[in-house]
């Protein structure tokens, strides 16, 4: 399968750890070299984005991946930890195992793009510049590592690496209630991590494979091995497709990932984190971090526990409906621009959940595409809020009016982002939402019909916001507000182009996702998962 090496090192290793190299360079710079620090960080994220483009262009379309080793592309496998004869544990073997398929490739591209834009939108950070950009680059590595890991232990390490820099980026560089928001984010995420760790240990002691080098049997953290029922040891806690503990383990994983999405009622950390975080960190939070939850369900929970995934499809569809409608209603009630966008993310991620729950190709492709589209659209929205906050130092929706005349370039970009968010045909949000609802309607007709209320509510609060902020009479105190500048345009225009291009011609992204979506749906639905329900 596809291999691509630079100086003898695989491209996935480069794209994952390049920001760490950038962090080391940044930390080595003199404290007062603020400009050099910014440009260095931008250079390393730009290189990462170039590598993501190389991966995207060389990715083999039509290869399914999911649970197949041969289907994984750009894969790298090496022994990381190997400890023999450790008391009753026996041999502990952990691999450095990375690879991507049609589920992870769009997320790799999205992570590189959003990280680059986050650095660009952090140019006005003046407080502890070196520390800020070092943490931002470390966060980048943590996020990228999650999307390329195929070893569960490695996945968990990257998952936790991401937590620490995000905590400090909110807690040190955030708004007035930054400590509260950072601690709330940390506690919620740590709770999910503890549940995930328990499931990882249960899987490790339940799954065993034969080491091809020695011929001896050993436990493993290999995700692909965990997806094969033949590798579960008879009598182990998670062996057999009708064991109660498999359902408990699935629920534990689900809660861990649901907190990150976030799924109601685990969503309450999100508005606080968004409101207090700096603009660039809000962009990363909504653009990438939320997708880690739904990605975890697709990559890990569904294929490892297909029986439990099928069993809980109806509850999953119902919480998707709650997210869509509840998030939209909460967004409509907000008077803070940033909090409105935060709750809109809760609503739009509900579309992803509903599409996944459909468990058919249309719904799964829609969910994958919505993950990417929401990342680009919501990044635009948070950048738009950041632009106006930098100038007016307020986010109150009732404080503005008539900005379209004062800031025409800014308003034009805003219109694209707003109409993409409400799912206007011709923009990327429409395609992914249409596929998600199309797939869901085949499986959960009445839940899907009820969920379409979210489309109406989204249009209502988006248009109402547009009216309050950009139309009407401009208050006298905003007569001197400058329009969007060149740096801000460079951050926003590429996102706008992606939204427009994928709205008119989505095939380049859908072609990458289609085979993996088919493979995932077929794998989960095949065999005993459906047999449990008598289907």
Protein backbone atom coordinates (compact mmCIF):
# COMPACT_ATOMS: atom_id res chain seq x y z
CA UNK A 1 0.00 0.00 0.00
CA UNK A 2 1.00 3.64 -0.34
CA UNK A 3 4.25 4.58 1.38
CA UNK A 4 5.84 8.02 1.32
CA UNK A 5 9.08 8.75 3.16
CA UNK A 6 11.16 11.88 3.63
CA UNK A 7 14.77 11.30 4.76
CA UNK A 8 13.79 7.72 5.58
CA UNK A 9 10.96 8.78 7.89
CA UNK A 10 7.31 8.21 7.01
CA UNK A 11 5.18 11.20 6.06
CA UNK A 12 2.68 10.56 8.88
CA UNK A 13 5.48 10.80 11.43
CA UNK A 14 6.62 14.05 9.83
CA UNK A 15 3.16 15.60 9.76
CA UNK A 16 2.54 14.59 13.38
CA UNK A 17 5.82 15.64 14.99
CA UNK A 18 6.79 18.61 12.80
CA UNK A 19 4.98 20.99 15.21
CA UNK A 20 7.04 19.54 18.09
CA UNK A 21 10.20 20.44 16.18
CA UNK A 22 8.71 23.89 15.77
CA UNK A 23 7.99 24.04 19.49
CA UNK A 24 11.62 23.18 20.30
CA UNK A 25 12.84 25.93 17.94
CA UNK A 26 10.39 28.43 19.48
CA UNK A 27 11.54 27.57 23.01
CA UNK A 28 15.15 28.08 21.94
CA UNK A 29 14.46 31.60 20.66
CA UNK A 30 15.20 34.66 22.84
CA UNK A 31 12.26 35.75 24.97
CA UNK A 32 11.92 39.13 23.28
CA UNK A 33 11.92 37.77 19.71
CA UNK A 34 8.14 37.97 19.38
CA UNK A 35 8.09 38.49 15.63
CA UNK A 36 10.52 35.63 14.98
CA UNK A 37 8.45 33.38 17.26
CA UNK A 38 5.29 34.12 15.27
CA UNK A 39 6.92 33.58 11.88
CA UNK A 40 8.65 30.39 13.03
CA UNK A 41 5.36 28.94 14.24
CA UNK A 42 3.67 29.93 11.00
CA UNK A 43 6.47 28.34 8.95
CA UNK A 44 6.19 24.98 10.70
CA UNK A 45 2.39 24.86 10.43
CA UNK A 46 2.69 25.89 6.76
CA UNK A 47 5.06 22.96 6.15
CA UNK A 48 2.61 20.68 7.90
CA UNK A 49 -0.17 21.97 5.65
CA UNK A 50 1.97 21.26 2.58
CA UNK A 51 2.48 17.66 3.81
CA UNK A 52 -1.29 17.35 4.32
CA UNK A 53 -1.74 18.46 0.71
CA UNK A 54 0.76 15.82 -0.44
CA UNK A 55 -1.17 13.16 1.47
CA UNK A 56 -4.48 14.35 0.01
CA UNK A 57 -3.15 14.29 -3.55
CA UNK A 58 -1.48 10.87 -3.21
CA UNK A 59 -4.23 9.15 -1.23
CA UNK A 60 -5.58 6.06 -3.00
CA UNK A 61 -9.29 6.51 -3.61
CA UNK A 62 -11.48 3.41 -3.58
CA UNK A 63 -9.44 1.62 -0.87
CA UNK A 64 -11.70 0.89 2.14
CA UNK A 65 -9.40 0.72 5.19
CA UNK A 66 -11.43 0.68 8.46
CA UNK A 67 -10.52 -2.79 9.81
CA UNK A 68 -8.11 -3.89 7.09
CA UNK A 69 -4.35 -3.61 7.50
CA UNK A 70 -3.89 -3.70 3.74
CA UNK A 71 -6.48 -0.94 3.38
CA UNK A 72 -4.55 1.48 5.59
CA UNK A 73 -2.35 3.89 3.65
CA UNK A 74 0.96 5.61 4.50
CA UNK A 75 1.16 3.18 7.42
CA UNK A 76 4.19 2.89 9.71
CA UNK A 77 4.70 0.09 12.23
CA UNK A 78 7.56 -0.20 14.71
CA UNK A 79 8.01 -1.61 18.19
CA UNK A 80 7.74 1.17 20.76
CA UNK A 81 7.69 -0.62 24.13
CA UNK A 82 8.49 -4.30 24.67
CA UNK A 83 8.86 -5.54 28.24
CA UNK A 84 9.02 -9.28 28.94
CA UNK A 85 8.19 -11.28 32.08
CA UNK A 86 6.61 -8.54 34.14
CA UNK A 87 5.01 -10.49 37.02
CA UNK A 88 1.54 -11.80 36.12
CA UNK A 89 1.11 -9.31 33.30
CA UNK A 90 3.37 -11.34 31.06
CA UNK A 91 4.82 -9.58 28.07
CA UNK A 92 3.84 -5.93 27.44
CA UNK A 93 4.17 -5.03 23.79
CA UNK A 94 3.15 -1.62 22.42
CA UNK A 95 3.69 -0.54 18.84
CA UNK A 96 4.15 2.81 17.19
CA UNK A 97 1.46 2.12 14.61
CA UNK A 98 0.05 4.89 12.42
CA UNK A 99 -1.93 4.87 9.20
CA UNK A 100 -4.89 6.57 7.56
CA UNK A 101 -7.95 5.71 5.49
CA UNK A 102 -10.95 7.62 4.17
CA UNK A 103 -12.20 8.36 7.69
CA UNK A 104 -9.00 9.95 8.95
CA UNK A 105 -7.59 11.63 5.82
CA UNK A 106 -10.11 14.54 5.80
CA UNK A 107 -9.41 15.07 9.50
CA UNK A 108 -5.64 15.18 8.88
CA UNK A 109 -6.17 17.84 6.21
CA UNK A 110 -8.58 19.77 8.45
CA UNK A 111 -6.19 19.69 11.43
CA UNK A 112 -3.28 21.03 9.36
CA UNK A 113 -5.45 23.76 7.82
CA UNK A 114 -7.02 24.92 11.10
CA UNK A 115 -3.67 24.86 12.92
CA UNK A 116 -2.12 27.09 10.25
CA UNK A 117 -5.05 29.52 10.43
CA UNK A 118 -4.95 29.47 14.25
CA UNK A 119 -1.31 30.59 14.22
CA UNK A 120 -2.13 33.30 11.69
CA UNK A 121 -5.05 34.56 13.80
CA UNK A 122 -2.84 34.64 16.94
CA UNK A 123 -0.67 37.46 15.59
CA UNK A 124 -2.02 39.99 18.08
CA UNK A 125 -1.14 37.86 21.13
CA UNK A 126 1.29 39.90 23.24
CA UNK A 127 1.26 38.08 26.58
CA UNK A 128 4.02 35.43 26.94
CA UNK A 129 4.28 35.00 23.19
CA UNK A 130 6.87 32.24 23.33
CA UNK A 131 4.85 30.13 25.75
CA UNK A 132 1.64 30.65 23.79
CA UNK A 133 3.01 29.49 20.44
CA UNK A 134 4.96 26.60 22.01
CA UNK A 135 1.74 25.29 23.58
CA UNK A 136 -0.19 25.85 20.36
CA UNK A 137 2.32 23.74 18.42
CA UNK A 138 2.19 20.99 21.06
CA UNK A 139 -1.60 21.03 20.81
CA UNK A 140 -1.26 20.63 17.04
CA UNK A 141 0.80 17.46 17.48
CA UNK A 142 -1.68 16.01 19.98
CA UNK A 143 -4.61 16.55 17.60
CA UNK A 144 -2.81 15.18 14.55
CA UNK A 145 -1.63 12.13 16.49
CA UNK A 146 -5.19 11.21 17.43
CA UNK A 147 -6.22 11.05 13.77
CA UNK A 148 -3.30 8.90 12.57
CA UNK A 149 -2.95 6.43 15.48
CA UNK A 150 -3.91 2.78 14.96
CA UNK A 151 -2.59 1.60 18.32
CA UNK A 152 -5.02 2.32 21.16
CA UNK A 153 -2.26 3.10 23.67
CA UNK A 154 -0.67 5.56 21.23
CA UNK A 155 -4.11 7.05 20.53
CA UNK A 156 -4.64 7.58 24.26
CA UNK A 157 -1.23 9.25 24.68
CA UNK A 158 -2.02 11.78 21.95
CA UNK A 159 -5.53 12.25 23.36
CA UNK A 160 -4.02 13.23 26.72
CA UNK A 161 -1.18 15.29 25.21
CA UNK A 162 -3.84 17.52 23.68
CA UNK A 163 -5.49 18.15 27.07
CA UNK A 164 -2.64 19.95 28.84
CA UNK A 165 -1.83 22.72 26.31
CA UNK A 166 -5.54 23.44 25.80
CA UNK A 167 -5.97 23.85 29.56
CA UNK A 168 -3.19 26.46 29.73
CA UNK A 169 -4.15 28.22 26.49
CA UNK A 170 -7.60 28.88 27.92
CA UNK A 171 -6.52 29.37 31.54
CA UNK A 172 -3.67 31.83 30.86
CA UNK A 173 -4.65 33.65 27.66
CA UNK A 174 -8.44 33.55 28.01
CA UNK A 175 -11.05 36.07 29.16
CA UNK A 176 -12.12 37.21 32.65
CA UNK A 177 -13.50 33.79 33.70
CA UNK A 178 -10.69 31.84 32.07
CA UNK A 179 -9.69 29.80 35.15
CA UNK A 180 -13.25 28.54 35.64
CA UNK A 181 -13.62 27.64 31.95
CA UNK A 182 -10.23 25.91 31.81
CA UNK A 183 -10.85 23.82 34.94
CA UNK A 184 -14.32 22.86 33.72
CA UNK A 185 -12.91 21.77 30.36
CA UNK A 186 -10.14 19.80 32.07
CA UNK A 187 -12.42 17.98 34.52
CA UNK A 188 -14.99 17.02 31.89
CA UNK A 189 -12.35 15.76 29.48
CA UNK A 190 -10.44 13.94 32.22
CA UNK A 191 -13.62 12.11 33.23
CA UNK A 192 -14.00 10.88 29.68
CA UNK A 193 -10.33 9.90 29.59
CA UNK A 194 -10.65 7.79 32.75
CA UNK A 195 -13.59 5.86 31.27
CA UNK A 196 -11.65 5.38 28.06
CA UNK A 197 -8.60 4.10 29.94
CA UNK A 198 -10.68 1.47 31.74
CA UNK A 199 -12.03 0.22 28.42
CA UNK A 200 -8.53 0.19 26.91
CA UNK A 201 -7.30 -2.04 29.76
CA UNK A 202 -10.29 -4.37 29.42
CA UNK A 203 -9.66 -4.68 25.69
CA UNK A 204 -5.94 -5.24 26.19
CA UNK A 205 -6.49 -8.20 28.51
CA UNK A 206 -9.22 -9.61 26.28
CA UNK A 207 -7.39 -9.52 22.94
CA UNK A 208 -4.34 -11.63 22.08
CA UNK A 209 -2.46 -12.16 18.82
CA UNK A 210 0.53 -14.23 17.75
CA UNK A 211 3.81 -12.34 17.44
CA UNK A 212 5.05 -13.12 13.91
CA UNK A 213 8.68 -12.75 15.04
CA UNK A 214 8.64 -15.16 18.01
CA UNK A 215 5.46 -17.17 17.49
CA UNK A 216 4.33 -16.51 21.05
CA UNK A 217 0.90 -15.23 21.99
CA UNK A 218 0.70 -11.75 23.45
CA UNK A 219 -1.86 -9.13 24.40
CA UNK A 220 -2.05 -6.10 22.15
CA UNK A 221 -3.32 -2.52 21.88
CA UNK A 222 -3.58 -2.83 18.09
CA UNK A 223 -6.97 -1.35 17.09
CA UNK A 224 -7.26 -3.50 13.96
CA UNK A 225 -6.66 -6.65 16.03
CA UNK A 226 -9.37 -5.52 18.47
CA UNK A 227 -11.85 -5.33 15.57
CA UNK A 228 -11.43 -9.06 14.83
CA UNK A 229 -13.68 -11.22 17.08
CA UNK A 230 -11.32 -14.19 16.54
CA UNK A 231 -8.63 -12.38 18.57
CA UNK A 232 -10.70 -12.23 21.76
CA UNK A 233 -9.52 -14.88 24.20
CA UNK A 234 -12.24 -17.32 25.31
CA UNK A 235 -13.37 -16.54 28.84
CA UNK A 236 -12.02 -12.97 28.80
CA UNK A 237 -14.24 -10.14 30.02
CA UNK A 238 -15.09 -8.86 26.52
CA UNK A 239 -15.15 -12.15 24.62
CA UNK A 240 -18.38 -13.27 22.95
CA UNK A 241 -20.96 -11.08 21.29
CA UNK A 242 -23.64 -11.36 23.96
CA UNK A 243 -21.64 -10.49 27.04
CA UNK A 244 -23.04 -7.75 29.25
CA UNK A 245 -19.58 -6.21 29.68
CA UNK A 246 -19.29 -5.41 25.98
CA UNK A 247 -22.27 -3.09 26.30
CA UNK A 248 -20.79 -1.53 29.44
CA UNK A 249 -17.47 -1.00 27.64
CA UNK A 250 -19.22 0.56 24.64
CA UNK A 251 -21.13 2.96 26.90
CA UNK A 252 -17.88 3.88 28.66
CA UNK A 253 -16.22 4.68 25.32
CA UNK A 254 -19.32 6.51 24.15
CA UNK A 255 -19.36 8.81 27.18
CA UNK A 256 -15.64 9.50 26.77
CA UNK A 257 -16.17 10.53 23.15
CA UNK A 258 -19.55 12.19 23.78
CA UNK A 259 -17.95 14.67 26.18
CA UNK A 260 -15.64 15.81 23.40
CA UNK A 261 -18.36 16.15 20.71
CA UNK A 262 -20.14 17.38 22.94
CA UNK A 263 -23.40 15.43 23.13
CA UNK A 264 -26.20 16.55 25.43
CA UNK A 265 -26.03 16.48 28.48
CA UNK A 266 -22.20 16.53 28.45
CA UNK A 267 -22.06 19.82 26.55
CA UNK A 268 -21.98 22.41 29.34
CA UNK A 269 -18.19 22.89 29.26
CA UNK A 270 -18.27 24.06 25.64
CA UNK A 271 -19.93 27.52 25.82
CA UNK A 272 -17.73 28.56 28.76
CA UNK A 273 -14.57 27.34 27.04
CA UNK A 274 -15.46 29.11 23.78
CA UNK A 275 -16.41 32.41 25.38
CA UNK A 276 -13.26 32.64 27.50
CA UNK A 277 -10.76 31.19 25.00
CA UNK A 278 -8.75 33.45 22.66
CA UNK A 279 -10.10 33.55 19.11
CA UNK A 280 -7.53 31.12 17.70
CA UNK A 281 -8.22 28.59 20.44
CA UNK A 282 -11.98 28.84 19.83
CA UNK A 283 -11.23 28.12 16.17
CA UNK A 284 -9.29 24.98 17.14
CA UNK A 285 -11.89 23.91 19.70
CA UNK A 286 -14.79 24.03 17.25
CA UNK A 287 -12.80 23.26 14.11
CA UNK A 288 -10.90 20.17 15.26
CA UNK A 289 -11.40 19.13 18.89
CA UNK A 290 -15.13 18.45 18.63
CA UNK A 291 -14.45 16.15 15.66
CA UNK A 292 -12.19 13.98 17.81
CA UNK A 293 -15.30 12.71 19.61
CA UNK A 294 -17.22 11.65 16.51
CA UNK A 295 -14.01 10.34 14.94
CA UNK A 296 -13.44 8.16 18.01
CA UNK A 297 -16.91 6.67 17.64
CA UNK A 298 -16.28 5.88 13.95
CA UNK A 299 -12.70 4.65 14.32
CA UNK A 300 -12.94 2.78 17.62
CA UNK A 301 -16.36 2.31 19.25
CA UNK A 302 -18.34 1.20 16.19
CA UNK A 303 -15.93 -1.36 14.68
CA UNK A 304 -14.67 -2.81 17.97
CA UNK A 305 -18.16 -3.15 19.47
CA UNK A 306 -20.45 -3.55 16.43
CA UNK A 307 -23.02 -5.50 18.43
CA UNK A 308 -23.36 -2.72 21.01
CA UNK A 309 -23.28 -0.05 18.31
CA UNK A 310 -26.28 -1.61 16.56
CA UNK A 311 -28.09 -2.13 19.86
CA UNK A 312 -27.77 1.56 20.79
CA UNK A 313 -28.56 3.10 17.39
CA UNK A 314 -31.99 4.40 18.39
CA UNK A 315 -30.73 6.17 21.55
CA UNK A 316 -27.86 7.59 19.46
CA UNK A 317 -30.30 8.98 16.89
CA UNK A 318 -32.40 10.48 19.67
CA UNK A 319 -29.47 12.32 21.28
CA UNK A 320 -28.56 13.56 17.79
CA UNK A 321 -32.07 15.03 17.55
CA UNK A 322 -31.73 16.63 20.99
CA UNK A 323 -28.38 18.17 20.04
CA UNK A 324 -29.79 19.62 16.82
CA UNK A 325 -32.91 21.22 18.30
CA UNK A 326 -31.64 22.06 21.80
CA UNK A 327 -28.41 23.60 20.46
CA UNK A 328 -30.38 25.74 17.98
CA UNK A 329 -32.82 26.93 20.64
CA UNK A 330 -29.96 27.83 22.99
CA UNK A 331 -28.18 29.69 20.17
CA UNK A 332 -31.34 31.69 19.46
CA UNK A 333 -31.47 32.84 23.09
CA UNK A 334 -27.91 34.22 23.20
CA UNK A 335 -26.91 37.88 23.21
CA UNK A 336 -23.17 37.15 23.14
CA UNK A 337 -21.96 36.63 19.56
CA UNK A 338 -19.38 34.02 20.55
CA UNK A 339 -21.73 32.02 22.75
CA UNK A 340 -24.25 31.94 19.90
CA UNK A 341 -21.66 30.35 17.61
CA UNK A 342 -20.69 27.92 20.39
CA UNK A 343 -24.26 26.64 20.75
CA UNK A 344 -24.60 26.47 16.97
CA UNK A 345 -21.70 23.99 17.06
CA UNK A 346 -23.68 21.80 19.47
CA UNK A 347 -26.55 21.84 16.98
CA UNK A 348 -24.44 21.14 13.89
CA UNK A 349 -22.57 18.27 15.57
CA UNK A 350 -25.99 16.75 16.24
CA UNK A 351 -26.28 16.37 12.46
CA UNK A 352 -23.09 14.29 12.52
CA UNK A 353 -24.50 12.07 15.27
CA UNK A 354 -27.79 11.59 13.39
CA UNK A 355 -25.98 10.68 10.16
CA UNK A 356 -23.77 8.16 11.98
CA UNK A 357 -26.77 6.57 13.68
CA UNK A 358 -28.40 5.95 10.29
CA UNK A 359 -25.79 3.22 9.73
CA UNK A 360 -26.03 3.42 5.96
CA UNK A 361 -23.62 4.81 3.38
CA UNK A 362 -25.51 8.05 2.76
CA UNK A 363 -25.75 8.91 6.44
CA UNK A 364 -22.15 7.92 7.22
CA UNK A 365 -20.74 9.88 4.27
CA UNK A 366 -22.90 12.84 5.30
CA UNK A 367 -21.58 12.61 8.87
CA UNK A 368 -17.94 12.45 7.72
CA UNK A 369 -18.44 15.34 5.31
CA UNK A 370 -20.28 17.37 7.96
CA UNK A 371 -17.30 16.93 10.30
CA UNK A 372 -15.01 18.52 7.71
CA UNK A 373 -17.48 21.20 6.61
CA UNK A 374 -18.37 22.20 10.14
CA UNK A 375 -14.65 22.57 10.88
CA UNK A 376 -14.18 25.08 8.06
CA UNK A 377 -17.49 26.95 8.51
CA UNK A 378 -17.28 27.33 12.28
CA UNK A 379 -13.64 28.43 11.98
CA UNK A 380 -14.85 31.24 9.72
CA UNK A 381 -17.56 32.18 12.21
CA UNK A 382 -15.20 32.37 15.19
CA UNK A 383 -12.66 34.34 13.18
CA UNK A 384 -15.44 36.76 12.22
CA UNK A 385 -16.32 37.23 15.89
CA UNK A 386 -12.63 37.75 16.69
CA UNK A 387 -12.29 40.46 14.04
CA UNK A 388 -15.11 42.57 15.48
CA UNK A 389 -14.07 41.93 19.10
CA UNK A 390 -10.51 43.13 18.40
CA UNK A 391 -11.94 46.43 17.18
CA UNK A 392 -14.96 47.05 19.39
CA UNK A 393 -13.99 45.01 22.51
CA UNK A 394 -17.55 43.76 22.86
CA UNK A 395 -19.45 40.74 21.54
CA UNK A 396 -22.94 41.92 22.47
CA UNK A 397 -25.28 41.38 19.53
CA UNK A 398 -27.43 44.34 20.59
CA UNK A 399 -24.42 46.68 20.67
CA UNK A 400 -24.04 46.79 16.90
CA UNK A 401 -26.07 47.50 13.77
CA UNK A 402 -25.34 48.76 10.26
CA UNK A 403 -21.84 47.27 10.06
CA UNK A 404 -22.39 46.32 6.43
CA UNK A 405 -21.88 49.93 5.35
CA UNK A 406 -18.91 50.54 7.63
CA UNK A 407 -17.12 47.21 6.97
CA UNK A 408 -18.17 45.95 3.50
CA UNK A 409 -15.33 43.42 2.98
CA UNK A 410 -15.86 41.97 6.43
CA UNK A 411 -19.60 41.76 5.83
CA UNK A 412 -19.17 39.96 2.50
CA UNK A 413 -17.11 37.20 4.12
CA UNK A 414 -19.58 37.04 6.99
CA UNK A 415 -22.48 36.47 4.59
CA UNK A 416 -20.73 33.44 3.07
CA UNK A 417 -20.08 31.93 6.52
CA UNK A 418 -23.60 32.62 7.84
CA UNK A 419 -25.36 31.16 4.82
CA UNK A 420 -23.04 28.14 4.79
CA UNK A 421 -23.90 27.54 8.46
CA UNK A 422 -27.64 27.59 7.78
CA UNK A 423 -27.22 25.11 4.91
CA UNK A 424 -27.83 27.21 1.82
CA UNK A 425 -27.60 25.17 -1.42
CA UNK A 426 -24.40 25.90 -3.30
CA UNK A 427 -22.35 26.01 -0.09
CA UNK A 428 -20.64 23.03 1.57
CA UNK A 429 -22.90 22.84 4.63
CA UNK A 430 -25.91 21.99 2.48
CA UNK A 431 -24.32 18.90 0.90
CA UNK A 432 -23.27 17.26 4.17
CA UNK A 433 -26.55 18.05 5.94
CA UNK A 434 -28.55 16.75 2.97
CA UNK A 435 -26.68 13.42 2.97
CA UNK A 436 -26.98 13.09 6.76
CA UNK A 437 -30.73 13.67 6.74
CA UNK A 438 -31.19 11.53 3.62
CA UNK A 439 -29.48 8.58 5.29
CA UNK A 440 -31.22 9.12 8.63
CA UNK A 441 -34.66 9.33 7.01
CA UNK A 442 -34.26 5.77 5.73
CA UNK A 443 -33.64 4.46 9.24
CA UNK A 444 -35.36 6.83 11.69
CA UNK A 445 -38.17 8.53 9.79
CA UNK A 446 -39.93 10.38 12.59
CA UNK A 447 -36.75 11.32 14.47
CA UNK A 448 -35.37 12.77 11.24
CA UNK A 449 -38.55 14.71 10.50
CA UNK A 450 -38.43 16.19 14.01
CA UNK A 451 -34.73 16.99 13.60
CA UNK A 452 -35.38 19.11 10.51
CA UNK A 453 -36.84 21.67 12.92
CA UNK A 454 -33.19 22.49 13.62
CA UNK A 455 -32.77 23.70 10.03
CA UNK A 456 -35.59 26.22 10.48
CA UNK A 457 -34.24 27.35 13.87
CA UNK A 458 -30.71 27.72 12.48
CA UNK A 459 -31.98 29.90 9.65
CA UNK A 460 -33.92 31.97 12.19
CA UNK A 461 -31.06 32.74 14.58
CA UNK A 462 -28.50 33.24 11.82
CA UNK A 463 -30.68 35.71 9.89
CA UNK A 464 -31.71 37.45 13.10
CA UNK A 465 -28.03 37.85 14.05
CA UNK A 466 -27.25 39.18 10.58
CA UNK A 467 -30.05 41.72 10.94
CA UNK A 468 -29.01 42.90 14.41
CA UNK A 469 -25.29 43.21 13.69
CA UNK A 470 -24.96 44.15 10.03
CA UNK A 471 -28.20 45.83 8.96
CA UNK A 472 -29.99 48.93 10.22
CA UNK A 473 -28.39 52.12 11.52
CA UNK A 474 -24.75 52.20 12.55
CA UNK A 475 -24.31 53.54 16.13
CA UNK A 476 -22.27 56.72 16.31
CA UNK A 477 -19.53 55.09 18.41
CA UNK A 478 -18.66 52.65 15.59
CA UNK A 479 -18.24 55.31 12.85
CA UNK A 480 -14.45 54.85 12.85
CA UNK A 481 -14.26 51.04 12.89
CA UNK A 482 -11.68 49.90 10.30
CA UNK A 483 -12.56 47.18 7.83
CA UNK A 484 -10.91 43.77 7.81
CA UNK A 485 -7.12 43.87 7.25
CA UNK A 486 -4.86 41.81 5.01
CA UNK A 487 -3.78 39.26 7.62
CA UNK A 488 -7.38 38.58 8.63
CA UNK A 489 -8.32 38.22 4.95
CA UNK A 490 -5.55 35.66 4.45
CA UNK A 491 -6.99 33.61 7.32
CA UNK A 492 -10.62 33.83 6.16
CA UNK A 493 -10.53 33.74 2.35
CA UNK A 494 -9.06 30.19 2.00
CA UNK A 495 -11.84 28.88 4.26
CA UNK A 496 -14.42 30.76 2.20
CA UNK A 497 -13.02 29.28 -1.03
CA UNK A 498 -13.23 25.75 0.42
CA UNK A 499 -16.83 26.34 1.50
CA UNK A 500 -17.76 27.57 -1.98
CA UNK A 501 -15.85 24.91 -3.96
CA UNK A 502 -17.10 21.95 -1.90
CA UNK A 503 -20.62 23.35 -2.09
CA UNK A 504 -20.54 23.28 -5.89
CA UNK A 505 -18.21 20.32 -6.44
CA UNK A 506 -17.95 18.06 -3.35
CA UNK A 507 -16.64 15.00 -5.21
CA UNK A 508 -12.92 15.44 -4.32
CA UNK A 509 -13.76 14.98 -0.64
CA UNK A 510 -16.62 12.49 -1.09
CA UNK A 511 -14.43 10.23 -3.24
CA UNK A 512 -12.00 9.88 -0.33
CA UNK A 513 -14.74 9.07 2.19
CA UNK A 514 -17.03 6.81 0.19
CA UNK A 515 -15.14 3.50 0.27
CA UNK A 516 -14.35 3.76 3.98
CA UNK A 517 -17.94 4.71 4.79
CA UNK A 518 -19.18 1.67 2.89
CA UNK A 519 -16.65 -0.57 4.62
CA UNK A 520 -17.52 0.76 8.07
CA UNK A 521 -21.27 0.33 7.59
CA UNK A 522 -20.87 -3.17 6.13
CA UNK A 523 -18.50 -4.23 8.90
CA UNK A 524 -20.74 -3.01 11.72
CA UNK A 525 -23.94 -4.40 10.21
CA UNK A 526 -22.54 -7.76 9.21
CA UNK A 527 -22.71 -10.84 11.41
CA UNK A 528 -23.88 -11.00 14.97
CA UNK A 529 -24.46 -7.28 15.50
CA UNK A 530 -27.69 -7.42 13.55
CA UNK A 531 -28.36 -11.02 14.59
CA UNK A 532 -28.81 -9.80 18.15
CA UNK A 533 -31.81 -7.77 17.02
CA UNK A 534 -33.13 -10.51 14.78
CA UNK A 535 -32.64 -8.44 11.60
